[in-house]
Structures are given as C-alpha cells and as structure tokens.
C-alpha cells in the first residue's frame, strides 16, 4: 500500500516504507513530463538517489521547435538523501502524492524553470517488477504513476512561457528498488544470456479520466509484466482495472519506433476499449540520463558535474532507441469516441520475434 512516506526518497527495499534492507544497485527515483495540447512545448525532469554508491543525479530537458535541450547534473550525496538539489536542479515535495515542485536555474544553457505539478488522479501503484538475469536479480522494484497539471514559468533562451493548469498536463512516476546502476559489473554473469528488453509504457489523458497501460515482453513476445487501468479524475470514483489487454504496433522503417500503436482492453463488465496512439515526434530519454554516453544513472563524477546538450530531434540516430513519443490518442468504446493526449515510451533492445527483430540492434524493414 502507498503512503505519504513513499513520496520521499528514503526507500531501502523494493517494498514501500514499512520494510528495510539494502543492495548496491538500490535506487529511488522521480520522473516527470509535461506538455501542452499541440506538443509545441514539452519538458521532462528526473532525479535519482543511489544510497549505496553515495550519488544523486538529476536532469531537465525541454523540446521546443524540434530542438531538445538538456541539463544533466550529478553530485556526491554525502549520505544526505533529503537534500534533493543537484547543482542547478532541485525538487521539492510540497504535499506528498498531491503537489511537487521542480526547478532549474542554469544560466549557461539558458534553461530556467519553476514549475508545480498538481495531481488530478490518485497515485496508481503498478504491479511489482521482478526479473532475473541468470544468477542475478536484474530488477526488483515498485513503481507508481500519477497524471496531473502544471503551472509556473519556463524560460528557454530568454523567452518566457507561462504555464497554467488548464493548458499544461503530464505524468510523473516514482520507482524504487533494484536495477542496474552506475558502472557495470566487471565480472561476467554466464547464465544471463543475450541482452533483451522490451518495454512499452503509455500514460494517456482524456477530459475526465486517464488510462495507463504498460508491458514487458520476452524474446518470444510473452508478457512477464503487463497491466491496464482507467483512472477517473479525483472525486470521479475508483480506478477501473482491466481484465484483459493487448498491444500491437507498426514500426517506422529503419527504426525501432512505432509509427502507430493499438491498445485493446476489456473491463470486468466486458466493455471493449480500443485505443489508437499516433506518435508525432520523439523525446530522447538519454536527455535525462537513461543510457547516456557519459552520465548514466548512478555513475560517479566527483563532487559535482554538470553538462549541457542541444540537438535536433530529427537528427538523432536510430540506435538511440529509448524514447517517449508525444502522441495524439483516440479512444473508441461502445459509448462513442474520445480524443486525448499521451506519451508512448518505447525501449526495445535485442531480439523480439513479434517485431521481427533477431539481433541486438536490427531495425524494421
């Protein structure tokens, strides 16, 4: 069960706060994204705590006019987990599970923000993620997600954007537990087999409710973790757990990115939901440190390291396969059709038979 304490980076096991333990690869992490209705302004923020390597890192990214700008910072934590600031970046939990604030004040990159996330659905706890790699426990973590609105100011290269709750929405997640962080293990894991990971994560926003779907699949396309829920806005009733669900996509030629995706879900009453997601452009997750060339999550860079990057989203090479695609979304039910917005996060590494991938990094024809 989630409690207010779970919104602070103090976890020591993949369990909620009630349990204690430890592991070198333990982490405790925040992620946020935000966007307006046409996707012309998109931003994302992350902050990670890695207690057993004594590192905290954070990143802020903005995509405007096809340009992605990133500020990535890492510091030695000196064992203080509640000082959630890293160089020019900071996070404040103002009201747990309801209201959080992110800040960026980086003169060199021209990125500044003071933004408040206000939840409009309850926090949703996803099913536990557990995955073994040979003799090792590769993943064992709890994750929650929550959709909400954004308010505050964003400054990019001297231009100020005023965000209001009626115009900017997005998603946050919190995850904590065990997954590979920092420098890789120097000793081989002989039973781990080939590298393979298939991950789809799709939070969507409609006028009165949110839908959330995710799936992990193995090489054969069998799901080892999958779930789908419909969550009304606060005061609109309990979340609606789907009893069956499926995901299918068409790929852009020469990539591992979806050109379109179809999610089908059936609730306990037998009602069918068909969701079409139409990606418009990609946000590259390496801008927040995911698989970054030098500043991957939990890596050590001394007392403080801050790097800045800028690139065109159209010029990034296809081997940068971890993305969140900004999507137009259409939901069809027996009651009619609804339009929404969302992101389709995709990370497809290694073989995946339903997609036609047989190697570590081959692409769709």
Protein backbone atom coordinates (compact mmCIF):
# COMPACT_ATOMS: atom_id res chain seq x y z
CA UNK A 1 0.00 0.00 0.00
CA UNK A 2 1.25 3.50 -0.83
CA UNK A 3 1.58 6.09 1.94
CA UNK A 4 2.74 9.70 2.06
CA UNK A 5 6.18 8.48 3.05
CA UNK A 6 6.55 6.79 -0.33
CA UNK A 7 6.82 10.21 -1.99
CA UNK A 8 10.19 10.84 -0.32
CA UNK A 9 13.46 9.23 -1.49
CA UNK A 10 14.00 7.16 1.66
CA UNK A 11 13.22 3.62 0.49
CA UNK A 12 15.72 0.88 1.23
CA UNK A 13 14.00 -2.07 -0.43
CA UNK A 14 11.61 -2.53 -3.38
CA UNK A 15 8.83 -2.56 -0.77
CA UNK A 16 7.00 0.53 0.50
CA UNK A 17 8.40 2.27 3.56
CA UNK A 18 7.46 -0.42 6.06
CA UNK A 19 10.50 -2.62 5.23
CA UNK A 20 14.26 -2.16 5.46
CA UNK A 21 17.22 -3.75 3.65
CA UNK A 22 19.97 -2.95 1.18
CA UNK A 23 21.79 -3.71 -2.06
CA UNK A 24 24.49 -1.99 -4.10
CA UNK A 25 22.07 -1.41 -7.00
CA UNK A 26 19.31 0.12 -4.91
CA UNK A 27 17.82 3.33 -6.32
CA UNK A 28 14.96 5.74 -5.57
CA UNK A 29 13.80 7.87 -8.49
CA UNK A 30 11.43 10.61 -9.68
CA UNK A 31 10.38 11.24 -13.27
CA UNK A 32 8.09 13.94 -14.71
CA UNK A 33 6.94 15.06 -18.13
CA UNK A 34 4.69 17.93 -19.17
CA UNK A 35 3.24 19.29 -22.40
CA UNK A 36 0.57 21.48 -23.94
CA UNK A 37 -2.20 20.19 -26.21
CA UNK A 38 -0.32 20.52 -29.50
CA UNK A 39 3.02 19.32 -28.13
CA UNK A 40 4.79 22.53 -29.14
CA UNK A 41 6.22 22.76 -25.60
CA UNK A 42 7.41 19.56 -23.93
CA UNK A 43 9.64 19.17 -20.89
CA UNK A 44 10.84 16.39 -18.62
CA UNK A 45 12.65 16.20 -15.29
CA UNK A 46 14.23 13.39 -13.29
CA UNK A 47 16.06 12.97 -10.01
CA UNK A 48 17.66 9.76 -8.76
CA UNK A 49 19.05 8.76 -5.37
CA UNK A 50 21.57 5.89 -5.15
CA UNK A 51 22.33 5.42 -1.42
CA UNK A 52 24.92 2.64 -1.58
CA UNK A 53 27.15 4.38 -4.11
CA UNK A 54 26.50 7.78 -2.44
CA UNK A 55 25.43 9.51 -5.65
CA UNK A 56 22.46 11.73 -6.54
CA UNK A 57 21.77 12.88 -10.09
CA UNK A 58 19.17 14.96 -11.84
CA UNK A 59 18.29 16.24 -15.31
CA UNK A 60 15.95 18.67 -17.04
CA UNK A 61 15.06 18.55 -20.73
CA UNK A 62 12.97 20.79 -22.96
CA UNK A 63 11.81 20.19 -26.54
CA UNK A 64 10.64 23.28 -28.46
CA UNK A 65 10.76 23.81 -32.22
CA UNK A 66 12.34 20.40 -32.85
CA UNK A 67 15.31 21.18 -30.58
CA UNK A 68 15.98 19.13 -27.45
CA UNK A 69 17.96 20.90 -24.73
CA UNK A 70 19.31 19.01 -21.71
CA UNK A 71 20.95 19.87 -18.41
CA UNK A 72 22.31 16.80 -16.60
CA UNK A 73 23.92 17.04 -13.16
CA UNK A 74 25.50 14.56 -10.75
CA UNK A 75 26.88 15.01 -7.24
CA UNK A 76 28.36 13.09 -4.37
CA UNK A 77 25.42 12.81 -1.99
CA UNK A 78 27.48 12.71 1.25
CA UNK A 79 24.78 10.43 2.69
CA UNK A 80 22.14 13.20 2.79
CA UNK A 81 19.16 11.83 0.89
CA UNK A 82 16.75 14.69 1.59
CA UNK A 83 18.88 17.43 0.04
CA UNK A 84 17.17 16.97 -3.32
CA UNK A 85 19.15 19.57 -5.23
CA UNK A 86 21.94 18.81 -7.68
CA UNK A 87 23.79 21.87 -8.98
CA UNK A 88 21.24 24.00 -10.88
CA UNK A 89 18.41 21.47 -10.45
CA UNK A 90 16.09 20.89 -7.50
CA UNK A 91 12.97 19.00 -6.47
CA UNK A 92 10.62 19.82 -3.56
CA UNK A 93 7.81 17.57 -2.35
CA UNK A 94 5.29 20.18 -1.19
CA UNK A 95 2.34 17.86 -0.45
CA UNK A 96 3.07 14.13 -0.78
CA UNK A 97 1.07 12.39 -3.52
CA UNK A 98 -0.51 15.72 -4.49
CA UNK A 99 1.86 18.58 -5.27
CA UNK A 100 5.57 18.67 -6.22
CA UNK A 101 7.83 21.47 -7.49
CA UNK A 102 10.77 21.27 -9.89
CA UNK A 103 13.36 23.98 -10.51
CA UNK A 104 16.15 24.62 -12.99
CA UNK A 105 18.37 27.68 -12.84
CA UNK A 106 21.14 27.22 -15.38
CA UNK A 107 22.49 30.39 -16.95
CA UNK A 108 24.99 28.63 -19.22
CA UNK A 109 22.29 26.66 -21.08
CA UNK A 110 19.66 29.39 -20.92
CA UNK A 111 17.21 27.00 -19.23
CA UNK A 112 15.23 28.15 -16.21
CA UNK A 113 12.03 26.88 -14.68
CA UNK A 114 9.97 27.00 -11.52
CA UNK A 115 7.09 24.59 -12.12
CA UNK A 116 4.48 22.94 -9.89
CA UNK A 117 2.89 19.57 -10.65
CA UNK A 118 -0.62 19.18 -9.16
CA UNK A 119 -2.14 15.70 -9.34
CA UNK A 120 -5.61 15.28 -10.78
CA UNK A 121 -5.81 11.50 -10.38
CA UNK A 122 -4.85 9.37 -7.36
CA UNK A 123 -1.43 7.75 -7.39
CA UNK A 124 -1.56 4.34 -9.07
CA UNK A 125 0.73 1.52 -7.88
CA UNK A 126 1.81 -0.63 -10.80
CA UNK A 127 2.30 -4.40 -10.33
CA UNK A 128 5.71 -5.29 -8.91
CA UNK A 129 8.56 -5.64 -11.44
CA UNK A 130 10.77 -8.71 -10.83
CA UNK A 131 13.21 -10.01 -13.46
CA UNK A 132 16.18 -12.36 -13.07
CA UNK A 133 19.22 -12.39 -15.36
CA UNK A 134 20.98 -15.72 -14.93
CA UNK A 135 22.10 -15.97 -11.32
CA UNK A 136 21.40 -12.32 -10.59
CA UNK A 137 18.33 -10.31 -9.71
CA UNK A 138 18.27 -7.75 -12.53
CA UNK A 139 15.08 -5.93 -11.49
CA UNK A 140 13.01 -5.89 -8.33
CA UNK A 141 11.12 -2.65 -7.95
CA UNK A 142 7.89 -0.89 -7.15
CA UNK A 143 6.62 1.91 -9.36
CA UNK A 144 3.74 4.33 -9.06
CA UNK A 145 2.39 6.75 -11.69
CA UNK A 146 0.16 9.81 -11.49
CA UNK A 147 -1.19 12.30 -14.01
CA UNK A 148 -1.68 15.97 -13.27
CA UNK A 149 -1.40 19.57 -14.43
CA UNK A 150 1.45 22.09 -14.48
CA UNK A 151 1.73 25.74 -13.51
CA UNK A 152 4.63 28.18 -13.26
CA UNK A 153 7.26 29.66 -15.55
CA UNK A 154 9.66 28.20 -18.08
CA UNK A 155 12.42 30.24 -19.72
CA UNK A 156 14.27 28.99 -22.81
CA UNK A 157 16.92 31.25 -24.39
CA UNK A 158 15.33 34.36 -22.93
CA UNK A 159 11.75 33.52 -23.96
CA UNK A 160 9.34 33.06 -21.06
CA UNK A 161 6.45 30.61 -21.17
CA UNK A 162 3.71 30.95 -18.56
CA UNK A 163 2.23 27.55 -17.75
CA UNK A 164 -1.28 27.24 -16.34
CA UNK A 165 -3.15 24.21 -15.03
CA UNK A 166 -5.80 24.45 -17.73
CA UNK A 167 -3.25 24.29 -20.57
CA UNK A 168 -0.40 22.02 -19.45
CA UNK A 169 -0.72 18.40 -18.35
CA UNK A 170 1.63 15.47 -17.90
CA UNK A 171 2.68 12.40 -15.95
CA UNK A 172 5.01 11.64 -13.12
CA UNK A 173 6.27 8.35 -11.81
CA UNK A 174 8.16 7.19 -8.76
CA UNK A 175 10.09 3.97 -8.69
CA UNK A 176 12.38 2.40 -6.16
CA UNK A 177 14.12 -0.91 -5.75
CA UNK A 178 16.85 -2.77 -7.61
CA UNK A 179 18.05 -2.32 -11.17
CA UNK A 180 21.50 -1.89 -12.68
CA UNK A 181 23.03 1.49 -11.89
CA UNK A 182 26.42 3.15 -12.28
CA UNK A 183 29.38 1.24 -13.66
CA UNK A 184 28.57 -2.27 -14.97
CA UNK A 185 29.75 -5.34 -13.09
CA UNK A 186 33.24 -6.28 -14.28
CA UNK A 187 32.67 -10.00 -13.68
CA UNK A 188 30.58 -11.84 -16.33
CA UNK A 189 27.20 -13.36 -15.47
CA UNK A 190 27.46 -16.57 -17.53
CA UNK A 191 23.81 -17.56 -17.23
CA UNK A 192 22.36 -14.20 -18.23
CA UNK A 193 22.10 -14.99 -21.95
CA UNK A 194 21.70 -12.39 -24.66
CA UNK A 195 20.72 -8.82 -23.89
CA UNK A 196 16.95 -8.45 -24.38
CA UNK A 197 14.43 -5.95 -23.03
CA UNK A 198 11.05 -4.95 -24.43
CA UNK A 199 9.28 -2.09 -22.67
CA UNK A 200 6.16 -0.10 -23.55
CA UNK A 201 4.74 2.48 -21.12
CA UNK A 202 1.73 4.57 -22.14
CA UNK A 203 0.06 7.08 -19.80
CA UNK A 204 -2.82 8.91 -21.52
CA UNK A 205 -5.00 11.88 -20.57
CA UNK A 206 -8.63 12.45 -21.51
CA UNK A 207 -11.07 15.12 -20.29
CA UNK A 208 -12.41 13.31 -17.21
CA UNK A 209 -10.07 10.35 -16.77
CA UNK A 210 -6.68 8.85 -17.50
CA UNK A 211 -5.74 5.49 -18.97
CA UNK A 212 -2.46 3.78 -18.20
CA UNK A 213 -1.01 0.74 -19.96
CA UNK A 214 2.41 -0.91 -19.84
CA UNK A 215 4.01 -4.18 -20.86
CA UNK A 216 7.32 -6.01 -20.62
CA UNK A 217 7.76 -8.91 -23.04
CA UNK A 218 10.42 -11.56 -23.50
CA UNK A 219 12.06 -12.55 -26.79
CA UNK A 220 9.07 -14.64 -27.85
CA UNK A 221 6.64 -11.81 -27.16
CA UNK A 222 5.24 -13.28 -23.94
CA UNK A 223 4.49 -10.69 -21.28
CA UNK A 224 6.25 -11.06 -17.93
CA UNK A 225 4.60 -7.92 -16.56
CA UNK A 226 1.60 -6.10 -18.01
CA UNK A 227 -1.32 -4.04 -16.78
CA UNK A 228 -4.03 -1.59 -17.85
CA UNK A 229 -6.30 0.67 -15.80
CA UNK A 230 -8.74 3.53 -16.30
CA UNK A 231 -8.45 6.13 -13.52
CA UNK A 232 -11.14 8.84 -13.13
CA UNK A 233 -10.07 12.29 -12.04
CA UNK A 234 -10.14 12.93 -8.30
CA UNK A 235 -13.67 12.61 -7.00
CA UNK A 236 -14.82 10.63 -10.02
CA UNK A 237 -14.79 7.20 -8.42
CA UNK A 238 -12.34 4.28 -8.08
CA UNK A 239 -9.90 3.18 -10.73
CA UNK A 240 -11.17 0.56 -13.18
CA UNK A 241 -8.87 -2.44 -13.53
CA UNK A 242 -8.98 -4.06 -16.97
CA UNK A 243 -9.26 -7.85 -17.06
CA UNK A 244 -7.57 -8.30 -20.45
CA UNK A 245 -5.39 -6.14 -22.70
CA UNK A 246 -3.07 -6.30 -25.69
CA UNK A 247 -0.62 -4.09 -27.58
CA UNK A 248 0.34 -4.02 -31.25
CA UNK A 249 2.27 -1.51 -33.33
CA UNK A 250 3.57 -0.71 -36.78
CA UNK A 251 7.21 0.36 -36.95
CA UNK A 252 8.81 3.17 -38.89
CA UNK A 253 11.18 1.70 -41.46
CA UNK A 254 14.80 1.73 -40.34
CA UNK A 255 13.93 2.20 -36.66
CA UNK A 256 12.54 0.51 -33.56
CA UNK A 257 9.98 3.30 -33.13
CA UNK A 258 6.22 2.87 -33.56
CA UNK A 259 4.57 4.76 -36.39
CA UNK A 260 1.22 3.85 -34.81
CA UNK A 261 0.09 1.69 -31.92
CA UNK A 262 -3.15 -0.06 -30.99
CA UNK A 263 -4.08 -0.99 -27.43
CA UNK A 264 -7.18 -3.11 -26.79
CA UNK A 265 -8.62 -3.53 -23.30
CA UNK A 266 -11.69 -5.20 -21.79
CA UNK A 267 -13.03 -4.28 -18.36
CA UNK A 268 -14.77 -6.50 -15.80
CA UNK A 269 -18.17 -5.75 -17.34
CA UNK A 270 -16.98 -6.96 -20.75
CA UNK A 271 -16.84 -3.49 -22.32
CA UNK A 272 -14.19 -3.07 -25.03
CA UNK A 273 -11.80 -0.12 -25.26
CA UNK A 274 -9.79 0.42 -28.44
CA UNK A 275 -7.01 2.99 -28.26
CA UNK A 276 -5.07 4.28 -31.23
CA UNK A 277 -1.85 6.17 -30.45
CA UNK A 278 -0.34 8.27 -33.24
CA UNK A 279 3.24 9.39 -32.48
CA UNK A 280 4.10 12.91 -33.66
CA UNK A 281 7.77 13.16 -32.66
CA UNK A 282 10.23 11.61 -30.18
CA UNK A 283 11.71 12.89 -26.95
CA UNK A 284 15.03 11.12 -26.34
CA UNK A 285 15.32 9.72 -22.82
CA UNK A 286 19.11 9.96 -22.83
CA UNK A 287 18.46 13.66 -22.13
CA UNK A 288 17.53 12.54 -18.61
CA UNK A 289 20.47 10.15 -18.27
CA UNK A 290 18.76 6.95 -19.47
CA UNK A 291 21.54 5.11 -21.30
CA UNK A 292 23.57 8.32 -21.58
CA UNK A 293 27.02 8.01 -23.10
CA UNK A 294 28.81 9.51 -20.07
CA UNK A 295 26.24 10.37 -17.36
CA UNK A 296 24.20 7.20 -16.98
CA UNK A 297 22.13 6.87 -13.82
CA UNK A 298 24.15 6.48 -10.64
CA UNK A 299 27.54 6.93 -12.30
CA UNK A 300 30.20 8.74 -10.29
CA UNK A 301 31.52 12.13 -11.42
CA UNK A 302 33.05 13.62 -8.28
CA UNK A 303 31.67 16.32 -6.00
CA UNK A 304 29.60 17.94 -8.79
CA UNK A 305 29.38 17.57 -12.55
CA UNK A 306 27.02 19.49 -14.84
CA UNK A 307 26.80 19.00 -18.61
CA UNK A 308 24.64 20.72 -21.23
CA UNK A 309 23.48 19.40 -24.59
CA UNK A 310 21.38 20.55 -27.54
CA UNK A 311 20.39 18.67 -30.69
CA UNK A 312 17.62 18.35 -33.25
CA UNK A 313 15.12 15.58 -32.52
CA UNK A 314 15.19 14.74 -36.23
CA UNK A 315 18.97 14.27 -36.35
CA UNK A 316 19.33 11.72 -33.53
CA UNK A 317 20.49 8.35 -34.88
CA UNK A 318 18.09 5.36 -34.71
CA UNK A 319 20.34 3.50 -32.25
CA UNK A 320 19.10 5.90 -29.56
CA UNK A 321 16.16 3.58 -29.03
CA UNK A 322 14.79 4.79 -25.68
CA UNK A 323 12.15 7.42 -26.45
CA UNK A 324 8.89 8.91 -25.33
CA UNK A 325 6.81 9.73 -28.39
CA UNK A 326 4.32 12.56 -28.00
CA UNK A 327 1.00 11.14 -29.23
CA UNK A 328 -2.46 12.08 -30.34
CA UNK A 329 -4.79 9.47 -28.88
CA UNK A 330 -8.23 8.25 -29.97
CA UNK A 331 -10.33 6.07 -27.64
CA UNK A 332 -13.29 4.12 -29.08
CA UNK A 333 -15.87 2.46 -26.83
CA UNK A 334 -19.47 1.39 -27.16
CA UNK A 335 -20.42 4.87 -25.96
CA UNK A 336 -18.55 6.71 -28.70
CA UNK A 337 -15.17 8.27 -29.40
CA UNK A 338 -12.89 10.44 -27.22
CA UNK A 339 -9.73 12.37 -28.10
CA UNK A 340 -6.76 12.64 -25.76
CA UNK A 341 -3.02 13.14 -25.47
CA UNK A 342 -0.26 10.98 -24.09
CA UNK A 343 3.21 9.57 -24.50
CA UNK A 344 4.33 6.20 -25.79
CA UNK A 345 7.58 5.25 -24.10
CA UNK A 346 9.49 2.60 -26.05
CA UNK A 347 12.68 0.69 -25.26
CA UNK A 348 13.21 -2.37 -27.45
CA UNK A 349 16.64 -3.97 -27.08
CA UNK A 350 17.68 -7.27 -28.62
CA UNK A 351 15.52 -9.96 -30.20
CA UNK A 352 11.73 -9.72 -30.26
CA UNK A 353 10.03 -12.23 -32.53
CA UNK A 354 6.65 -10.45 -32.98
CA UNK A 355 8.51 -7.35 -34.18
CA UNK A 356 10.78 -9.29 -36.50
CA UNK A 357 13.93 -8.33 -34.57
CA UNK A 358 16.55 -11.08 -34.22
CA UNK A 359 19.70 -9.20 -33.23
CA UNK A 360 20.79 -6.73 -30.60
CA UNK A 361 20.11 -3.72 -32.80
CA UNK A 362 18.49 -4.57 -36.13
CA UNK A 363 15.71 -2.34 -37.40
CA UNK A 364 12.31 -2.61 -39.08
CA UNK A 365 12.35 -3.05 -42.85
